[in-house]
Amino acid sequence: MFYNESKAAIIVYSLEENELGQKSFTHIKDWYEAVEKTCGNIPIVLFANKIDLVDENSLNISKIQKLVNDNNFLKFYFTSAKTGQGVVEAFNAIIEQLYLKFKTF
């Protein structure tokens, strides 16, 4: 798989266990297609946001992982924009993954 070296994307959806969260999850595929149409085949990372509002033990991680695998996303991270949980770690991991992926170019 070849990626355009100068671009990457982050798709963020809500983990909230309500209608907004459910709609957010179902729109991931649409957002992915929009990014692909606009930018081509670029690395995409998924942020499952609002982890501070849900019980982590009740999350269906296999459903999220399947979505990541089916769409060739680099990875997914649980984050909270409100508390900052997981944000720094996610961005550091993204930077490291992109560096490793493209250091040979």
Protein backbone atom coordinates (compact mmCIF):
# COMPACT_ATOMS: atom_id res chain seq x y z
CA MET A 1 0.00 0.00 0.00
CA PHE A 2 1.44 3.39 -1.00
CA TYR A 3 0.51 6.56 0.84
CA ASN A 4 0.87 10.16 -0.21
CA GLU A 5 3.80 11.20 1.99
CA SER A 6 2.62 14.69 2.83
CA LYS A 7 -0.81 13.90 4.21
CA ALA A 8 -2.49 12.03 7.04
CA ALA A 9 -5.93 12.25 8.60
CA ILE A 10 -7.61 11.73 11.93
CA ILE A 11 -11.27 10.77 12.07
CA VAL A 12 -12.91 11.47 15.42
CA TYR A 13 -16.19 9.97 16.55
CA SER A 14 -18.15 10.05 19.79
CA LEU A 15 -18.32 7.09 22.14
CA GLU A 16 -21.43 8.48 23.80
CA GLU A 17 -24.09 5.85 24.38
CA ASN A 18 -26.88 7.91 22.86
CA GLU A 19 -28.24 8.77 19.41
CA LEU A 20 -25.42 11.23 18.72
CA GLY A 21 -22.79 8.62 19.51
CA GLN A 22 -24.50 5.98 17.40
CA LYS A 23 -24.83 8.35 14.42
CA SER A 24 -21.22 9.37 14.85
CA PHE A 25 -20.07 5.75 14.62
CA THR A 26 -22.17 5.06 11.52
CA HIS A 27 -20.74 8.13 9.78
CA ILE A 28 -17.13 6.95 10.07
CA LYS A 29 -17.40 5.14 6.73
CA ASP A 30 -18.77 8.30 5.06
CA TRP A 31 -15.96 10.41 6.50
CA TYR A 32 -13.41 7.82 5.39
CA GLU A 33 -14.79 7.89 1.85
CA ALA A 34 -14.74 11.71 1.82
CA VAL A 35 -11.09 11.75 2.94
CA GLU A 36 -10.17 9.13 0.35
CA LYS A 37 -12.00 11.00 -2.42
CA THR A 38 -10.39 14.31 -1.50
CA CYS A 39 -6.89 13.20 -0.48
CA GLY A 40 -6.40 9.78 -2.01
CA ASN A 41 -4.90 6.86 -0.14
CA ILE A 42 -3.46 8.46 3.00
CA PRO A 43 -2.86 7.11 6.51
CA ILE A 44 -5.93 7.51 8.71
CA VAL A 45 -6.14 7.15 12.48
CA LEU A 46 -9.43 6.82 14.33
CA PHE A 47 -10.03 8.62 17.63
CA ALA A 48 -12.83 7.15 19.75
CA ASN A 49 -13.53 10.31 21.72
CA LYS A 50 -15.39 11.07 24.95
CA ILE A 51 -13.92 8.08 26.79
CA ASP A 52 -14.54 10.07 29.98
CA LEU A 53 -18.30 9.68 29.48
CA VAL A 54 -18.54 5.90 29.09
CA ASP A 55 -17.77 2.77 31.04
CA GLU A 56 -14.67 1.39 29.31
CA ASN A 57 -15.65 -2.15 30.31
CA SER A 58 -18.88 -1.90 28.28
CA LEU A 59 -17.19 -0.92 25.02
CA ASN A 60 -17.32 -3.29 22.07
CA ILE A 61 -13.63 -3.09 21.18
CA SER A 62 -13.89 -5.91 18.61
CA LYS A 63 -16.47 -3.85 16.66
CA ILE A 64 -14.11 -0.88 16.60
CA GLN A 65 -11.11 -3.04 15.69
CA LYS A 66 -13.07 -4.64 12.83
CA LEU A 67 -13.88 -1.19 11.46
CA VAL A 68 -10.20 -0.22 11.71
CA ASN A 69 -9.09 -3.42 9.96
CA ASP A 70 -11.76 -3.26 7.25
CA ASN A 71 -10.77 0.29 6.31
CA ASN A 72 -6.99 -0.09 6.70
CA PHE A 73 -6.80 2.63 9.33
CA LEU A 74 -3.40 2.78 11.01
CA LYS A 75 -4.90 2.34 14.48
CA PHE A 76 -7.55 3.62 16.88
CA TYR A 77 -7.21 5.39 20.21
CA PHE A 78 -9.59 6.11 23.06
CA THR A 79 -9.44 9.83 23.81
CA SER A 80 -11.14 12.59 25.73
CA ALA A 81 -10.93 16.14 24.44
CA LYS A 82 -12.35 17.31 27.78
CA THR A 83 -9.85 15.65 30.12
CA GLY A 84 -7.00 15.10 27.67
CA GLN A 85 -7.00 11.36 28.40
CA GLY A 86 -5.18 9.49 25.65
CA VAL A 87 -4.64 12.56 23.45
CA VAL A 88 -0.90 13.07 23.95
CA GLU A 89 -0.24 9.32 23.78
CA ALA A 90 -2.28 9.05 20.57
CA PHE A 91 -0.47 11.91 18.84
CA ASN A 92 2.92 10.60 19.95
CA ALA A 93 2.05 7.15 18.60
CA ILE A 94 0.83 8.65 15.31
CA ILE A 95 4.05 10.61 14.89
CA GLU A 96 6.12 7.51 15.63
CA GLN A 97 4.10 5.32 13.24
CA LEU A 98 4.32 7.87 10.42
CA TYR A 99 8.04 8.34 10.99
CA LEU A 100 8.65 4.60 10.84
CA LYS A 101 6.43 4.20 7.78
CA PHE A 102 8.05 7.00 5.79
CA LYS A 103 11.66 7.16 7.00
CA THR A 104 12.82 5.15 3.98
CA PHE A 105 11.43 7.67 1.45
